[in-house]
Amino acid sequence: MKLRRTLSLAALGTTIALSASTASAQAPLPNVFDGGNLWRISFYVDAAPNHLSQAVHDICFLPYIQVGGIVQGTWFSTTFADWNGRYYQEGDEVKMTGDFFNNVGHDHMTLIHTTADVPGVAGAMAFKDWTQWLENGQFGLAFWGNARLERIGSCPTKLAGATLPQALSEPRAVSIDELRRAEGDALKISLSVPERLTAKGERPISPTDPNLESLDAYFKRTGQGSVSR
């Protein structure tokens, strides 16, 4: 679901009101925001016998609304322009939906946390499925793969010439008004992220294009800094 599309915040508010009696429940831990909201996501091709790694991106998760033990919020890629969406986590299961190329392309990921953070050793990891498709006026063009999500640190305070408000990195649940502002900030920054190209300098067919330039090449070409633990 694209950030620029209208979110039914009224309906979300109703859900929160109905769930007020459980609002004191603890947010799932580990989750994709608390403890570091910058993650690296990798796409592995289902059709390849060895599940070849095909594409790698960095994802920034923004603060969440908490409804009982469920959290939901906004994400955007810091390494692929105009690629963003929403996330939802219940227990150890994370669901992500997103769009790219002005709503022509879509993603859905379902990931399960299998490891927690080990300070100084490794970030939390989640694994499972990633489906991506592009509309073409007929049946569409679809890609199916496995996914790995690994926490690598915290989202940079400055990105693509924009500044992320400090509130977007504080480990806490937010109000609906704060979520609205976070979505606006995320979309603005997402649209200004430098374009990711293929190794030949061409426009990729999608974020999972097997010919994408490496992250190191992207960071060097654009001057964007990589953030890691």
Protein backbone atom coordinates (compact mmCIF):
# COMPACT_ATOMS: atom_id res chain seq x y z
CA MET A 1 0.00 0.00 0.00
CA LYS A 2 1.64 3.20 -1.15
CA LEU A 3 2.27 5.92 1.42
CA ARG A 4 0.84 8.56 -0.89
CA ARG A 5 -2.46 6.72 -0.99
CA THR A 6 -5.01 7.64 1.64
CA LEU A 7 -4.71 5.67 4.86
CA SER A 8 -7.97 5.18 6.72
CA LEU A 9 -6.71 6.69 9.93
CA ALA A 10 -10.26 7.02 11.18
CA ALA A 11 -10.71 3.28 10.92
CA LEU A 12 -7.33 2.75 12.53
CA GLY A 13 -8.35 5.09 15.35
CA THR A 14 -11.52 3.08 15.88
CA THR A 15 -9.47 -0.09 16.11
CA ILE A 16 -7.23 1.51 18.69
CA ALA A 17 -10.21 2.75 20.69
CA LEU A 18 -11.80 -0.70 20.66
CA SER A 19 -8.52 -2.16 21.82
CA ALA A 20 -7.92 0.34 24.63
CA SER A 21 -8.31 -2.36 27.23
CA THR A 22 -5.25 -4.16 25.83
CA ALA A 23 -3.18 -1.08 25.01
CA SER A 24 -0.90 -1.75 27.98
CA ALA A 25 0.28 -5.05 26.49
CA GLN A 26 3.97 -5.28 25.69
CA ALA A 27 5.12 -4.69 22.14
CA PRO A 28 6.62 -7.81 20.51
CA LEU A 29 10.35 -8.18 21.06
CA PRO A 30 12.49 -8.27 19.09
CA ASN A 31 10.69 -5.92 16.74
CA VAL A 32 11.85 -3.99 13.68
CA PHE A 33 12.03 -0.59 15.38
CA ASP A 34 13.19 -0.83 18.99
CA GLY A 35 16.92 -1.44 19.28
CA GLY A 36 17.81 -0.17 15.80
CA ASN A 37 15.49 0.62 12.89
CA LEU A 38 17.88 0.18 9.94
CA TRP A 39 17.78 -3.30 8.40
CA ARG A 40 19.33 -4.97 5.37
CA ILE A 41 16.96 -7.09 3.29
CA SER A 42 18.17 -9.72 0.79
CA PHE A 43 16.16 -11.40 -1.96
CA TYR A 44 16.95 -15.06 -2.80
CA VAL A 45 15.58 -16.52 -6.04
CA ASP A 46 13.16 -19.41 -5.46
CA ALA A 47 13.79 -20.85 -8.94
CA ALA A 48 17.56 -21.10 -8.47
CA PRO A 49 18.69 -24.52 -7.15
CA ASN A 50 21.01 -22.84 -4.65
CA HIS A 51 18.60 -19.97 -3.88
CA LEU A 52 21.04 -17.42 -5.29
CA SER A 53 21.13 -14.01 -3.59
CA GLN A 54 19.86 -11.59 -6.23
CA ALA A 55 19.39 -8.18 -4.61
CA VAL A 56 20.23 -6.42 -1.34
CA HIS A 57 18.75 -3.20 0.05
CA ASP A 58 18.65 -1.15 3.22
CA ILE A 59 15.26 -0.52 4.83
CA CYS A 60 14.40 2.14 7.41
CA PHE A 61 11.46 1.43 9.73
CA LEU A 62 9.72 4.40 11.33
CA PRO A 63 7.91 4.51 14.72
CA TYR A 64 4.88 2.33 15.30
CA ILE A 65 1.38 2.56 16.64
CA GLN A 66 0.69 -0.14 19.21
CA VAL A 67 -2.68 -1.90 19.45
CA GLY A 68 -2.49 -4.42 22.23
CA GLY A 69 0.49 -6.64 21.42
CA ILE A 70 0.52 -5.64 17.71
CA VAL A 71 2.65 -2.85 16.23
CA GLN A 72 2.29 -1.24 12.81
CA GLY A 73 4.04 1.62 11.06
CA THR A 74 5.83 2.87 7.95
CA TRP A 75 9.02 1.84 6.14
CA PHE A 76 11.03 3.09 3.19
CA SER A 77 14.21 2.01 1.43
CA THR A 78 17.31 4.14 1.82
CA THR A 79 18.88 2.54 -1.28
CA PHE A 80 16.03 2.53 -3.83
CA ALA A 81 14.09 5.69 -4.65
CA ASP A 82 10.31 5.86 -4.12
CA TRP A 83 10.08 2.38 -2.59
CA ASN A 84 8.08 2.42 0.61
CA GLY A 85 5.07 1.04 2.41
CA ARG A 86 3.78 -0.20 5.74
CA TYR A 87 4.69 -2.91 8.21
CA TYR A 88 2.76 -4.90 10.79
CA GLN A 89 4.19 -7.15 13.49
CA GLU A 90 2.43 -9.63 15.74
CA GLY A 91 4.65 -11.79 17.92
CA ASP A 92 7.64 -12.87 15.86
CA GLU A 93 5.88 -12.42 12.49
CA VAL A 94 6.51 -9.28 10.42
CA LYS A 95 4.41 -8.43 7.35
CA MET A 96 5.46 -5.70 4.90
CA THR A 97 3.60 -4.24 1.92
CA GLY A 98 5.09 -1.67 -0.43
CA ASP A 99 5.04 -0.03 -3.85
CA PHE A 100 7.62 1.40 -6.24
CA PHE A 101 7.79 3.04 -9.71
CA ASN A 102 4.77 5.23 -8.96
CA ASN A 103 2.53 2.30 -7.92
CA VAL A 104 3.35 0.11 -10.94
CA GLY A 105 5.35 -2.30 -8.79
CA HIS A 106 4.29 -3.95 -5.55
CA ASP A 107 5.79 -6.06 -2.76
CA HIS A 108 4.60 -8.30 0.01
CA MET A 109 6.97 -9.83 2.54
CA THR A 110 6.24 -12.17 5.44
CA LEU A 111 9.18 -12.71 7.76
CA ILE A 112 9.68 -14.61 11.01
CA HIS A 113 12.19 -13.50 13.64
CA THR A 114 14.49 -16.44 14.27
CA THR A 115 17.33 -14.72 16.13
CA ALA A 116 17.56 -11.82 18.54
CA ASP A 117 20.29 -9.17 18.76
CA VAL A 118 23.64 -10.29 20.15
CA PRO A 119 25.41 -6.99 21.02
CA GLY A 120 28.77 -6.71 19.34
CA VAL A 121 28.25 -9.92 17.38
CA ALA A 122 25.15 -9.84 15.16
CA GLY A 123 21.86 -8.08 14.71
CA ALA A 124 18.45 -9.75 14.94
CA MET A 125 17.43 -11.70 11.84
CA ALA A 126 14.13 -12.66 10.24
CA PHE A 127 13.56 -15.01 7.30
CA LYS A 128 10.78 -16.22 5.01
CA ASP A 129 9.04 -15.08 1.80
CA TRP A 130 9.15 -12.10 -0.55
CA THR A 131 6.74 -11.70 -3.48
CA GLN A 132 7.12 -8.83 -5.95
CA TRP A 133 5.05 -8.02 -9.02
CA LEU A 134 4.65 -5.31 -11.64
CA GLU A 135 1.44 -4.40 -13.44
CA ASN A 136 1.60 -4.58 -17.24
CA GLY A 137 -2.07 -4.46 -18.27
CA GLN A 138 -2.31 -8.24 -18.51
CA PHE A 139 -1.28 -10.83 -15.93
CA GLY A 140 1.61 -8.81 -14.60
CA LEU A 141 5.24 -9.77 -14.08
CA ALA A 142 5.87 -11.61 -10.81
CA PHE A 143 8.97 -12.64 -8.86
CA TRP A 144 8.95 -15.10 -5.97
CA GLY A 145 11.80 -15.46 -3.54
CA ASN A 146 13.02 -16.07 -0.04
CA ALA A 147 13.98 -13.13 2.13
CA ARG A 148 16.47 -12.41 4.88
CA LEU A 149 16.16 -9.32 7.06
CA GLU A 150 19.05 -8.37 9.35
CA ARG A 151 19.29 -5.42 11.73
CA ILE A 152 22.43 -3.38 10.94
CA GLY A 153 21.97 -0.29 13.10
CA SER A 154 19.91 2.89 13.22
CA CYS A 155 18.62 4.96 10.33
CA PRO A 156 20.91 7.91 9.52
CA THR A 157 19.81 11.30 10.81
CA LYS A 158 20.55 12.83 7.41
CA LEU A 159 19.66 11.16 4.14
CA ALA A 160 19.32 12.39 0.56
CA GLY A 161 19.68 16.00 1.68
CA ALA A 162 16.86 15.65 4.22
CA THR A 163 16.98 15.39 7.99
CA LEU A 164 15.08 12.71 9.86
CA PRO A 165 13.43 14.15 13.00
CA GLN A 166 15.02 12.83 16.19
CA ALA A 167 11.62 11.51 17.27
CA LEU A 168 11.78 8.97 14.44
CA SER A 169 14.61 7.13 16.15
CA GLU A 170 13.30 7.06 19.72
CA PRO A 171 12.24 3.58 20.90
CA ARG A 172 8.57 4.14 21.74
CA ALA A 173 5.07 3.80 20.38
CA VAL A 174 3.58 6.93 18.80
CA SER A 175 0.17 8.57 18.44
CA ILE A 176 -1.88 8.68 15.24
CA ASP A 177 -0.84 12.31 14.70
CA GLU A 178 2.82 11.36 15.05
CA LEU A 179 2.26 8.48 12.62
CA ARG A 180 0.79 10.92 10.07
CA ARG A 181 3.87 13.12 10.37
CA ALA A 182 6.18 10.11 10.12
CA GLU A 183 4.46 8.99 6.93
CA GLY A 184 4.87 12.45 5.42
CA ASP A 185 8.55 12.54 6.33
CA ALA A 186 9.09 9.03 4.99
CA LEU A 187 7.49 9.80 1.63
CA LYS A 188 9.42 13.05 1.21
CA ILE A 189 12.74 11.35 1.92
CA SER A 190 11.87 8.26 -0.13
CA LEU A 191 11.21 10.40 -3.19
CA SER A 192 14.59 12.13 -2.80
CA VAL A 193 16.71 8.98 -2.38
CA PRO A 194 19.23 8.78 -5.29
CA GLU A 195 18.16 6.31 -7.99
CA ARG A 196 19.70 2.83 -7.83
CA LEU A 197 21.03 1.74 -11.24
CA THR A 198 22.20 -1.51 -12.77
CA ALA A 199 25.91 -2.30 -13.09
CA LYS A 200 25.67 -0.97 -16.67
CA GLY A 201 24.21 2.35 -15.51
CA GLU A 202 20.68 1.57 -16.70
CA ARG A 203 17.36 1.82 -14.90
CA PRO A 204 16.53 -1.49 -13.18
CA ILE A 205 13.31 -3.37 -13.82
CA SER A 206 12.55 -3.57 -10.09
CA PRO A 207 14.24 -3.56 -6.64
CA THR A 208 14.97 -7.28 -7.18
CA ASP A 209 16.68 -6.80 -10.56
CA PRO A 210 19.58 -9.30 -10.70
CA ASN A 211 21.76 -6.72 -12.45
CA LEU A 212 21.62 -4.04 -9.74
CA GLU A 213 24.86 -2.28 -8.92
CA SER A 214 26.28 -3.42 -5.57
CA LEU A 215 25.56 -1.47 -2.41
CA ASP A 216 29.21 -0.43 -2.21
CA ALA A 217 29.06 0.90 -5.79
CA TYR A 218 25.81 2.70 -5.03
CA PHE A 219 27.18 4.34 -1.88
CA LYS A 220 30.33 5.42 -3.71
CA ARG A 221 28.46 6.79 -6.74
CA THR A 222 25.84 8.71 -4.77
CA GLY A 223 27.88 9.77 -1.78
CA GLN A 224 25.32 8.17 0.53
CA GLY A 225 26.84 6.72 3.65
CA SER A 226 26.34 3.14 4.72
CA VAL A 227 25.41 2.61 8.36
CA SER A 228 26.33 -0.57 10.20
CA ARG A 229 26.92 -1.80 13.71
